[in-house]
Amino acid sequence: MQDEFYMARALKLAQRGRFTTHPNPNVGCVIVNNGDIVGEGYHHRAGEPHAEVHALRMAGAKAKGATAYVTLEPCSHHGRTPPCCDALI
């Protein structure tokens, strides 16, 4: 049940970028540590930091050992922004 709650929150966050991320998808991210949401983010605009980066910045040191709920698999390529999978690891 908690996984569904956190993913629903990530989906809600993703909707904040629905009119501004084209051609990129809308993405939301929630970072949870010991049952507490320690970071949240969404992708604001194409070419700007992705949802995961915003959430990690908000979480700071609390991201260590936490779980990330992301509405799209984290990118693993270098484009206008570095790979999110590296930041999450």
Protein backbone atom coordinates (compact mmCIF):
# COMPACT_ATOMS: atom_id res chain seq x y z
CA MET A 1 0.00 0.00 0.00
CA GLN A 2 2.78 2.48 0.79
CA ASP A 3 4.47 1.90 -2.57
CA GLU A 4 1.20 2.83 -4.28
CA PHE A 5 0.93 6.00 -2.18
CA TYR A 6 4.45 7.17 -3.06
CA MET A 7 4.03 6.35 -6.75
CA ALA A 8 0.70 8.20 -6.81
CA ARG A 9 2.48 11.21 -5.34
CA ALA A 10 5.18 10.97 -8.04
CA LEU A 11 2.47 10.82 -10.73
CA LYS A 12 0.81 13.91 -9.26
CA LEU A 13 4.12 15.77 -9.29
CA ALA A 14 4.72 14.78 -12.91
CA GLN A 15 1.51 16.51 -13.93
CA ARG A 16 2.98 19.86 -12.89
CA GLY A 17 5.15 19.77 -16.01
CA ARG A 18 2.51 18.62 -18.48
CA PHE A 19 2.50 21.83 -20.52
CA THR A 20 6.18 22.73 -20.28
CA THR A 21 8.35 19.64 -20.89
CA HIS A 22 7.71 18.97 -24.58
CA PRO A 23 9.35 17.15 -26.30
CA ASN A 24 10.39 15.42 -23.08
CA PRO A 25 7.92 13.35 -21.02
CA ASN A 26 6.35 14.51 -17.76
CA VAL A 27 8.26 12.90 -14.90
CA GLY A 28 7.85 13.01 -11.14
CA CYS A 29 10.09 11.63 -8.41
CA VAL A 30 9.64 11.01 -4.69
CA ILE A 31 12.50 9.94 -2.44
CA VAL A 32 11.53 8.06 0.72
CA ASN A 33 13.77 7.22 3.67
CA ASN A 34 12.38 5.18 6.57
CA GLY A 35 8.81 5.92 5.54
CA ASP A 36 9.33 9.69 5.29
CA ILE A 37 9.29 11.68 2.07
CA VAL A 38 12.64 13.46 2.10
CA GLY A 39 12.70 14.73 -1.48
CA GLU A 40 10.30 15.50 -4.30
CA GLY A 41 10.73 16.83 -7.79
CA TYR A 42 9.36 17.02 -11.28
CA HIS A 43 10.77 17.84 -14.69
CA HIS A 44 10.02 21.52 -15.30
CA ARG A 45 11.29 22.17 -18.86
CA ALA A 46 13.21 20.42 -21.61
CA GLY A 47 16.94 20.94 -21.12
CA GLU A 48 16.62 21.65 -17.40
CA PRO A 49 17.36 19.21 -14.54
CA HIS A 50 15.18 16.14 -14.43
CA ALA A 51 12.76 15.18 -11.66
CA GLU A 52 15.30 12.93 -9.97
CA VAL A 53 17.84 15.75 -9.67
CA HIS A 54 15.31 18.09 -8.07
CA ALA A 55 14.28 15.36 -5.61
CA LEU A 56 17.88 14.48 -4.75
CA ARG A 57 18.75 18.12 -4.13
CA MET A 58 15.80 18.46 -1.78
CA ALA A 59 16.69 15.24 0.05
CA GLY A 60 20.38 16.06 0.46
CA ALA A 61 22.17 13.59 2.73
CA LYS A 62 18.85 11.92 3.58
CA ALA A 63 18.86 10.36 0.09
CA LYS A 64 21.54 7.86 1.14
CA GLY A 65 19.91 4.45 1.48
CA ALA A 66 16.52 5.82 0.45
CA THR A 67 14.09 4.56 -2.19
CA ALA A 68 13.28 6.61 -5.29
CA TYR A 69 9.82 6.37 -6.83
CA VAL A 70 10.06 7.66 -10.39
CA THR A 71 7.36 7.70 -13.06
CA LEU A 72 9.83 6.88 -15.86
CA GLU A 73 13.00 4.85 -15.84
CA PRO A 74 15.93 7.14 -15.01
CA CYS A 75 17.92 8.21 -18.06
CA SER A 76 21.33 6.65 -18.61
CA HIS A 77 22.63 8.82 -21.44
CA HIS A 78 24.45 12.13 -21.70
CA GLY A 79 22.35 14.79 -23.40
CA ARG A 80 21.66 18.34 -22.27
CA THR A 81 21.73 16.94 -18.72
CA PRO A 82 23.88 14.18 -17.19
CA PRO A 83 22.44 10.69 -16.58
CA CYS A 84 20.00 10.49 -13.67
CA CYS A 85 20.87 6.86 -13.00
CA ASP A 86 24.39 7.95 -11.99
CA ALA A 87 23.01 10.54 -9.58
CA LEU A 88 20.64 8.02 -8.01
CA ILE A 89 23.36 5.43 -7.48
